[in-house]
PDB file of N, CA and C in Angstrom:
ATOM      1  N   MET A   1     -14.689 -28.326  -9.957  1.00  0.00           N
ATOM      2  CA  MET A   1     -14.522 -26.995  -9.379  1.00  0.00           C
ATOM      3  C   MET A   1     -14.812 -27.170  -7.930  1.00  0.00           C
ATOM      4  N   THR A   2     -13.864 -26.209  -7.400  1.00  0.00           N
ATOM      5  CA  THR A   2     -13.852 -26.189  -5.772  1.00  0.00           C
ATOM      6  C   THR A   2     -15.069 -25.627  -5.243  1.00  0.00           C
ATOM      7  N   LEU A   3     -15.229 -25.816  -3.987  1.00  0.00           N
ATOM      8  CA  LEU A   3     -16.270 -25.225  -3.222  1.00  0.00           C
ATOM      9  C   LEU A   3     -16.205 -23.702  -3.163  1.00  0.00           C
ATOM     10  N   ASN A   4     -14.947 -23.157  -3.127  1.00  0.00           N
ATOM     11  CA  ASN A   4     -14.743 -21.615  -3.294  1.00  0.00           C
ATOM     12  C   ASN A   4     -15.402 -21.048  -4.622  1.00  0.00           C
ATOM     13  N   ASP A   5     -14.721 -21.893  -5.657  1.00  0.00           N
ATOM     14  CA  ASP A   5     -15.393 -21.461  -6.791  1.00  0.00           C
ATOM     15  C   ASP A   5     -17.003 -21.638  -7.017  1.00  0.00           C
ATOM     16  N   LYS A   6     -17.425 -22.604  -6.656  1.00  0.00           N
ATOM     17  CA  LYS A   6     -18.982 -22.734  -6.734  1.00  0.00           C
ATOM     18  C   LYS A   6     -19.532 -21.686  -5.964  1.00  0.00           C
ATOM     19  N   LEU A   7     -19.254 -21.323  -4.651  1.00  0.00           N
ATOM     20  CA  LEU A   7     -19.819 -20.113  -3.869  1.00  0.00           C
ATOM     21  C   LEU A   7     -19.575 -18.895  -4.563  1.00  0.00           C
ATOM     22  N   LYS A   8     -18.330 -18.628  -5.134  1.00  0.00           N
ATOM     23  CA  LYS A   8     -17.958 -17.338  -5.934  1.00  0.00           C
ATOM     24  C   LYS A   8     -19.046 -17.141  -7.122  1.00  0.00           C
ATOM     25  N   LYS A   9     -19.122 -18.210  -7.898  1.00  0.00           N
ATOM     26  CA  LYS A   9     -19.689 -18.180  -8.859  1.00  0.00           C
ATOM     27  C   LYS A   9     -21.071 -17.854  -8.890  1.00  0.00           C
ATOM     28  N   GLU A  10     -21.628 -18.467  -7.608  1.00  0.00           N
ATOM     29  CA  GLU A  10     -23.082 -18.244  -7.298  1.00  0.00           C
ATOM     30  C   GLU A  10     -23.224 -16.873  -7.038  1.00  0.00           C
ATOM     31  N   ARG A  11     -22.490 -16.166  -6.361  1.00  0.00           N
ATOM     32  CA  ARG A  11     -22.567 -14.815  -5.879  1.00  0.00           C
ATOM     33  C   ARG A  11     -22.126 -13.678  -7.023  1.00  0.00           C
ATOM     34  N   THR A  12     -21.405 -13.940  -7.937  1.00  0.00           N
ATOM     35  CA  THR A  12     -20.770 -13.142  -9.019  1.00  0.00           C
ATOM     36  C   THR A  12     -20.942 -13.403 -10.203  1.00  0.00           C
ATOM     37  N   GLY A  13     -21.070 -14.790 -10.500  1.00  0.00           N
ATOM     38  CA  GLY A  13     -21.155 -15.280 -12.005  1.00  0.00           C
ATOM     39  C   GLY A  13     -19.763 -15.809 -12.414  1.00  0.00           C
ATOM     40  N   LEU A  14     -18.768 -15.699 -11.626  1.00  0.00           N
ATOM     41  CA  LEU A  14     -17.393 -15.895 -12.014  1.00  0.00           C
ATOM     42  C   LEU A  14     -16.600 -16.823 -10.845  1.00  0.00           C
ATOM     43  N   THR A  15     -15.680 -17.490 -11.510  1.00  0.00           N
ATOM     44  CA  THR A  15     -14.955 -18.573 -10.558  1.00  0.00           C
ATOM     45  C   THR A  15     -13.897 -17.689  -9.808  1.00  0.00           C
ATOM     46  N   ALA A  16     -13.462 -18.294  -8.655  1.00  0.00           N
ATOM     47  CA  ALA A  16     -12.704 -17.484  -7.829  1.00  0.00           C
ATOM     48  C   ALA A  16     -11.534 -16.768  -8.708  1.00  0.00           C
ATOM     49  N   SER A  17     -10.766 -17.846  -9.662  1.00  0.00           N
ATOM     50  CA  SER A  17      -9.517 -17.339 -10.479  1.00  0.00           C
ATOM     51  C   SER A  17     -10.177 -16.367 -11.364  1.00  0.00           C
ATOM     52  N   GLN A  18     -11.469 -16.147 -12.036  1.00  0.00           N
ATOM     53  CA  GLN A  18     -11.519 -15.360 -12.913  1.00  0.00           C
ATOM     54  C   GLN A  18     -12.033 -14.074 -12.203  1.00  0.00           C
ATOM     55  N   TYR A  19     -12.477 -13.901 -10.934  1.00  0.00           N
ATOM     56  CA  TYR A  19     -12.983 -12.882 -10.266  1.00  0.00           C
ATOM     57  C   TYR A  19     -11.628 -12.189  -9.701  1.00  0.00           C
ATOM     58  N   SER A  20     -10.409 -13.003  -9.415  1.00  0.00           N
ATOM     59  CA  SER A  20      -8.925 -12.645  -9.164  1.00  0.00           C
ATOM     60  C   SER A  20      -8.311 -11.915 -10.457  1.00  0.00           C
ATOM     61  N   THR A  21      -8.628 -12.597 -11.433  1.00  0.00           N
ATOM     62  CA  THR A  21      -7.976 -12.002 -12.546  1.00  0.00           C
ATOM     63  C   THR A  21      -8.529 -10.715 -12.980  1.00  0.00           C
ATOM     64  N   LEU A  22     -10.057 -10.763 -12.790  1.00  0.00           N
ATOM     65  CA  LEU A  22     -10.779  -9.259 -12.983  1.00  0.00           C
ATOM     66  C   LEU A  22     -10.110  -8.400 -12.010  1.00  0.00           C
ATOM     67  N   GLN A  23     -10.035  -8.447 -10.629  1.00  0.00           N
ATOM     68  CA  GLN A  23      -9.477  -7.594  -9.876  1.00  0.00           C
ATOM     69  C   GLN A  23      -8.278  -7.240 -10.432  1.00  0.00           C
ATOM     70  N   GLU A  24      -7.150  -8.104 -10.876  1.00  0.00           N
ATOM     71  CA  GLU A  24      -5.745  -7.627 -11.376  1.00  0.00           C
ATOM     72  C   GLU A  24      -6.077  -6.658 -12.700  1.00  0.00           C
ATOM     73  N   TRP A  25      -6.882  -7.000 -13.487  1.00  0.00           N
ATOM     74  CA  TRP A  25      -7.204  -6.350 -14.573  1.00  0.00           C
ATOM     75  C   TRP A  25      -7.888  -4.845 -14.240  1.00  0.00           C
ATOM     76  N   TYR A  26      -8.430  -4.646 -13.407  1.00  0.00           N
ATOM     77  CA  TYR A  26      -9.223  -3.535 -13.007  1.00  0.00           C
ATOM     78  C   TYR A  26      -8.155  -2.659 -12.279  1.00  0.00           C
ATOM     79  N   VAL A  27      -7.257  -2.858 -11.506  1.00  0.00           N
ATOM     80  CA  VAL A  27      -6.240  -2.211 -10.796  1.00  0.00           C
ATOM     81  C   VAL A  27      -5.285  -1.939 -11.924  1.00  0.00           C
ATOM     82  N   GLU A  28      -4.761  -2.583 -12.770  1.00  0.00           N
ATOM     83  CA  GLU A  28      -3.832  -2.203 -13.962  1.00  0.00           C
ATOM     84  C   GLU A  28      -4.274  -1.312 -14.779  1.00  0.00           C
ATOM     85  N   ARG A  29      -5.490  -1.404 -15.022  1.00  0.00           N
ATOM     86  CA  ARG A  29      -6.149  -0.437 -15.826  1.00  0.00           C
ATOM     87  C   ARG A  29      -6.458   0.909 -15.076  1.00  0.00           C
ATOM     88  N   TRP A  30      -6.747   1.037 -13.938  1.00  0.00           N
ATOM     89  CA  TRP A  30      -6.870   2.150 -13.051  1.00  0.00           C
ATOM     90  C   TRP A  30      -5.617   2.816 -13.238  1.00  0.00           C
ATOM     91  N   VAL A  31      -4.550   2.226 -12.782  1.00  0.00           N
ATOM     92  CA  VAL A  31      -3.161   2.643 -12.607  1.00  0.00           C
ATOM     93  C   VAL A  31      -2.876   3.183 -14.018  1.00  0.00           C
ATOM     94  N   GLU A  32      -2.927   2.578 -15.065  1.00  0.00           N
ATOM     95  CA  GLU A  32      -2.627   3.243 -16.340  1.00  0.00           C
ATOM     96  C   GLU A  32      -3.128   4.293 -16.753  1.00  0.00           C
ATOM     97  N   THR A  33      -4.457   4.786 -16.256  1.00  0.00           N
ATOM     98  CA  THR A  33      -5.102   6.025 -16.488  1.00  0.00           C
ATOM     99  C   THR A  33      -4.513   7.089 -15.609  1.00  0.00           C
ATOM    100  N   MET A  34      -3.912   6.899 -14.433  1.00  0.00           N
ATOM    101  CA  MET A  34      -3.434   7.696 -13.439  1.00  0.00           C
ATOM    102  C   MET A  34      -2.303   8.601 -13.942  1.00  0.00           C
ATOM    103  N   THR A  35      -2.194   9.903 -13.705  1.00  0.00           N
ATOM    104  CA  THR A  35      -1.011  10.738 -13.915  1.00  0.00           C
ATOM    105  C   THR A  35       0.084  10.449 -12.880  1.00  0.00           C
ATOM    106  N   THR A  36       1.305  10.905 -12.991  1.00  0.00           N
ATOM    107  CA  THR A  36       2.505  10.631 -12.082  1.00  0.00           C
ATOM    108  C   THR A  36       1.972  11.496 -10.683  1.00  0.00           C
ATOM    109  N   GLN A  37       1.279  12.470 -10.917  1.00  0.00           N
ATOM    110  CA  GLN A  37       0.915  13.261  -9.613  1.00  0.00           C
ATOM    111  C   GLN A  37      -0.028  12.323  -9.084  1.00  0.00           C
ATOM    112  N   ASP A  38      -1.016  11.815  -9.723  1.00  0.00           N
ATOM    113  CA  ASP A  38      -2.140  11.082  -9.055  1.00  0.00           C
ATOM    114  C   ASP A  38      -1.452  10.008  -8.528  1.00  0.00           C
ATOM    115  N   LEU A  39      -0.378   9.326  -9.147  1.00  0.00           N
ATOM    116  CA  LEU A  39       0.075   8.196  -8.574  1.00  0.00           C
ATOM    117  C   LEU A  39       0.910   8.644  -7.126  1.00  0.00           C
ATOM    118  N   GLN A  40       1.439   9.566  -7.228  1.00  0.00           N
ATOM    119  CA  GLN A  40       2.398  10.320  -6.119  1.00  0.00           C
ATOM    120  C   GLN A  40       1.445  10.604  -4.972  1.00  0.00           C
ATOM    121  N   GLU A  41       0.303  11.047  -5.234  1.00  0.00           N
ATOM    122  CA  GLU A  41      -0.637  11.422  -4.187  1.00  0.00           C
ATOM    123  C   GLU A  41      -1.294  10.199  -3.399  1.00  0.00           C
ATOM    124  N   TYR A  42      -1.634   9.081  -4.483  1.00  0.00           N
ATOM    125  CA  TYR A  42      -2.067   7.736  -3.977  1.00  0.00           C
ATOM    126  C   TYR A  42      -1.007   7.112  -3.157  1.00  0.00           C
ATOM    127  N   VAL A  43       0.135   7.034  -3.646  1.00  0.00           N
ATOM    128  CA  VAL A  43       1.167   6.462  -2.552  1.00  0.00           C
ATOM    129  C   VAL A  43       1.481   7.267  -1.321  1.00  0.00           C
ATOM    130  N   TYR A  44       1.594   8.678  -1.348  1.00  0.00           N
ATOM    131  CA  TYR A  44       1.672   9.185  -0.305  1.00  0.00           C
ATOM    132  C   TYR A  44       0.610   9.125   0.838  1.00  0.00           C
ATOM    133  N   ASN A  45      -0.677   9.005   0.331  1.00  0.00           N
ATOM    134  CA  ASN A  45      -1.887   8.986   1.197  1.00  0.00           C
ATOM    135  C   ASN A  45      -1.741   7.538   1.742  1.00  0.00           C
ATOM    136  N   SER A  46      -1.484   6.501   1.057  1.00  0.00           N
ATOM    137  CA  SER A  46      -1.543   5.220   1.386  1.00  0.00           C
ATOM    138  C   SER A  46      -0.315   4.712   2.469  1.00  0.00           C
ATOM    139  N   MET A  47       0.962   5.418   2.228  1.00  0.00           N
ATOM    140  CA  MET A  47       1.926   5.312   3.061  1.00  0.00           C
ATOM    141  C   MET A  47       1.578   6.014   4.308  1.00  0.00           C
ATOM    142  N   MET A  48       1.025   7.268   4.425  1.00  0.00           N
ATOM    143  CA  MET A  48       0.692   7.961   5.549  1.00  0.00           C
ATOM    144  C   MET A  48      -0.306   7.128   6.380  1.00  0.00           C
ATOM    145  N   GLN A  49      -1.105   6.554   5.828  1.00  0.00           N
ATOM    146  CA  GLN A  49      -2.250   5.774   6.593  1.00  0.00           C
ATOM    147  C   GLN A  49      -1.478   4.492   7.320  1.00  0.00           C
ATOM    148  N   ASP A  50      -0.677   3.913   6.513  1.00  0.00           N
ATOM    149  CA  ASP A  50       0.048   2.731   7.051  1.00  0.00           C
ATOM    150  C   ASP A  50       0.936   3.258   8.094  1.00  0.00           C
ATOM    151  N   VAL A  51       1.742   4.323   8.120  1.00  0.00           N
ATOM    152  CA  VAL A  51       2.601   4.684   8.953  1.00  0.00           C
ATOM    153  C   VAL A  51       1.795   5.050  10.402  1.00  0.00           C
ATOM    154  N   GLU A  52       0.608   5.655   9.980  1.00  0.00           N
ATOM    155  CA  GLU A  52      -0.317   6.183  11.231  1.00  0.00           C
ATOM    156  C   GLU A  52      -0.708   4.940  12.059  1.00  0.00           C
ATOM    157  N   ASN A  53      -0.755   4.081  11.279  1.00  0.00           N
ATOM    158  CA  ASN A  53      -1.283   2.649  12.022  1.00  0.00           C
ATOM    159  C   ASN A  53      -0.517   1.677  12.585  1.00  0.00           C
ATOM    160  N   GLN A  54       0.717   2.197  12.368  1.00  0.00           N
ATOM    161  CA  GLN A  54       2.115   1.318  12.954  1.00  0.00           C
ATOM    162  C   GLN A  54       2.339   1.532  14.369  1.00  0.00           C
ATOM    163  N   PRO A  55       2.577   0.346  14.971  1.00  0.00           N
ATOM    164  CA  PRO A  55       3.163   0.570  16.299  1.00  0.00           C
ATOM    165  C   PRO A  55       4.414   1.740  16.504  1.00  0.00           C
ATOM    166  N   GLU A  56       4.513   2.255  17.393  1.00  0.00           N
ATOM    167  CA  GLU A  56       5.624   3.269  17.394  1.00  0.00           C
ATOM    168  C   GLU A  56       7.250   2.883  17.216  1.00  0.00           C
ATOM    169  N   ALA A  57       7.187   1.594  17.892  1.00  0.00           N
ATOM    170  CA  ALA A  57       8.459   1.043  17.768  1.00  0.00           C
ATOM    171  C   ALA A  57       8.930   0.604  16.705  1.00  0.00           C
ATOM    172  N   GLU A  58       7.707  -0.041  15.714  1.00  0.00           N
ATOM    173  CA  GLU A  58       7.982  -0.418  14.439  1.00  0.00           C
ATOM    174  C   GLU A  58       8.312   0.546  13.465  1.00  0.00           C
ATOM    175  N   PHE A  59       7.643   1.854  13.474  1.00  0.00           N
ATOM    176  CA  PHE A  59       7.727   2.958  12.671  1.00  0.00           C
ATOM    177  C   PHE A  59       9.193   3.489  12.911  1.00  0.00           C
ATOM    178  N   LEU A  60       9.488   3.646  14.144  1.00  0.00           N
ATOM    179  CA  LEU A  60      10.836   4.219  14.575  1.00  0.00           C
ATOM    180  C   LEU A  60      12.306   3.268  13.968  1.00  0.00           C
ATOM    181  N   SER A  61      11.859   1.815  14.076  1.00  0.00           N
ATOM    182  CA  SER A  61      12.742   0.855  13.331  1.00  0.00           C
ATOM    183  C   SER A  61      12.850   1.140  12.022  1.00  0.00           C
ATOM    184  N   ASP A  62      11.625   1.222  11.353  1.00  0.00           N
ATOM    185  CA  ASP A  62      11.542   1.656   9.764  1.00  0.00           C
ATOM    186  C   ASP A  62      12.282   2.856   9.364  1.00  0.00           C
ATOM    187  N   CYS A  63      12.326   3.959  10.384  1.00  0.00           N
ATOM    188  CA  CYS A  63      12.907   5.002   9.984  1.00  0.00           C
ATOM    189  C   CYS A  63      14.473   4.902  10.287  1.00  0.00           C
ATOM    190  N   GLU A  64      14.956   4.344  11.225  1.00  0.00           N
ATOM    191  CA  GLU A  64      16.243   3.860  11.205  1.00  0.00           C
ATOM    192  C   GLU A  64      16.853   3.317   9.931  1.00  0.00           C
ATOM    193  N   ASP A  65      16.008   2.137   9.674  1.00  0.00           N
ATOM    194  CA  ASP A  65      16.641   1.492   8.546  1.00  0.00           C
ATOM    195  C   ASP A  65      16.360   2.223   7.359  1.00  0.00           C
ATOM    196  N   PHE A  66      15.586   2.962   7.226  1.00  0.00           N
ATOM    197  CA  PHE A  66      15.553   3.829   5.931  1.00  0.00           C
ATOM    198  C   PHE A  66      16.665   4.757   5.855  1.00  0.00           C
ATOM    199  N   TRP A  67      16.783   5.539   7.076  1.00  0.00           N
ATOM    200  CA  TRP A  67      17.970   6.686   6.656  1.00  0.00           C
ATOM    201  C   TRP A  67      19.355   6.118   7.254  1.00  0.00           C
ATOM    202  N   LEU A  68      19.325   5.036   7.811  1.00  0.00           N
ATOM    203  CA  LEU A  68      20.695   4.329   7.927  1.00  0.00           C
ATOM    204  C   LEU A  68      21.723   5.151   8.800  1.00  0.00           C
ATOM    205  N   ASP A  69      22.958   5.559   8.062  1.00  0.00           N
ATOM    206  CA  ASP A  69      23.820   6.497   9.215  1.00  0.00           C
ATOM    207  C   ASP A  69      23.305   7.982   9.158  1.00  0.00           C
ATOM    208  N   ASP A  70      22.333   8.351   8.455  1.00  0.00           N
ATOM    209  CA  ASP A  70      21.818   9.577   8.499  1.00  0.00           C
ATOM    210  C   ASP A  70      20.689  10.072   9.734  1.00  0.00           C
ATOM    211  N   TRP A  71      20.469   8.635  10.198  1.00  0.00           N
ATOM    212  CA  TRP A  71      19.336   8.613  11.188  1.00  0.00           C
ATOM    213  C   TRP A  71      19.416   9.597  12.496  1.00  0.00           C
ATOM    214  N   LYS A  72      20.820   9.730  12.786  1.00  0.00           N
ATOM    215  CA  LYS A  72      20.971  10.472  13.972  1.00  0.00           C
ATOM    216  C   LYS A  72      20.744  12.079  13.664  1.00  0.00           C
ATOM    217  N   TYR A  73      21.507  12.271  12.400  1.00  0.00           N
ATOM    218  CA  TYR A  73      21.193  13.686  11.870  1.00  0.00           C
ATOM    219  C   TYR A  73      19.891  13.944  11.722  1.00  0.00           C
ATOM    220  N   THR A  74      19.358  12.969  11.020  1.00  0.00           N
ATOM    221  CA  THR A  74      17.711  13.438  10.859  1.00  0.00           C
ATOM    222  C   THR A  74      16.921  13.706  12.062  1.00  0.00           C
ATOM    223  N   LEU A  75      17.046  12.965  13.165  1.00  0.00           N
ATOM    224  CA  LEU A  75      16.462  13.146  14.494  1.00  0.00           C
ATOM    225  C   LEU A  75      16.950  14.559  15.075  1.00  0.00           C
ATOM    226  N   GLU A  76      18.099  14.970  14.849  1.00  0.00           N
ATOM    227  CA  GLU A  76      18.496  16.209  15.239  1.00  0.00           C
ATOM    228  C   GLU A  76      18.015  17.475  14.459  1.00  0.00           C
ATOM    229  N   GLU A  77      17.885  17.151  13.083  1.00  0.00           N
ATOM    230  CA  GLU A  77      17.036  18.267  12.389  1.00  0.00           C
ATOM    231  C   GLU A  77      15.763  18.507  12.800  1.00  0.00           C
ATOM    232  N   LEU A  78      15.150  17.407  12.994  1.00  0.00           N
ATOM    233  CA  LEU A  78      13.656  17.280  13.124  1.00  0.00           C
ATOM    234  C   LEU A  78      13.626  18.118  14.722  1.00  0.00           C
ATOM    235  N   LYS A  79      14.380  17.925  15.727  1.00  0.00           N
ATOM    236  CA  LYS A  79      14.275  18.585  16.862  1.00  0.00           C
ATOM    237  C   LYS A  79      14.731  20.132  16.777  1.00  0.00           C
ATOM    238  N   GLU A  80      15.403  20.556  15.566  1.00  0.00           N
ATOM    239  CA  GLU A  80      15.782  21.936  15.512  1.00  0.00           C
ATOM    240  C   GLU A  80      14.732  22.621  14.778  1.00  0.00           C
ATOM    241  N   VAL A  81      13.938  22.038  13.851  1.00  0.00           N
ATOM    242  CA  VAL A  81      12.925  22.617  13.246  1.00  0.00           C
ATOM    243  C   VAL A  81      11.533  22.603  13.863  1.00  0.00           C
ATOM    244  N   SER A  82      11.356  21.513  14.544  1.00  0.00           N
ATOM    245  CA  SER A  82      10.070  21.447  15.570  1.00  0.00           C
ATOM    246  C   SER A  82      10.119  22.106  16.777  1.00  0.00           C
TER     247      SER A  82
END
């Protein structure tokens, strides 16, 4: 048993591997019980948090990569409606 396993077992009663497997099972079961709307909301909120914390240059680069040839038109549309 590794030192990490010993420490984890002292704190949780599980080895590091067992703890990791329990985390996976928890997330799998949680996701299985979510509706499509719940999943969409969760992904939206998670992505918004990610992009809000991204450096501006990185975010704009991601946008350009996502929209590819439509990037210029997307910016034009944004400027028209905002």
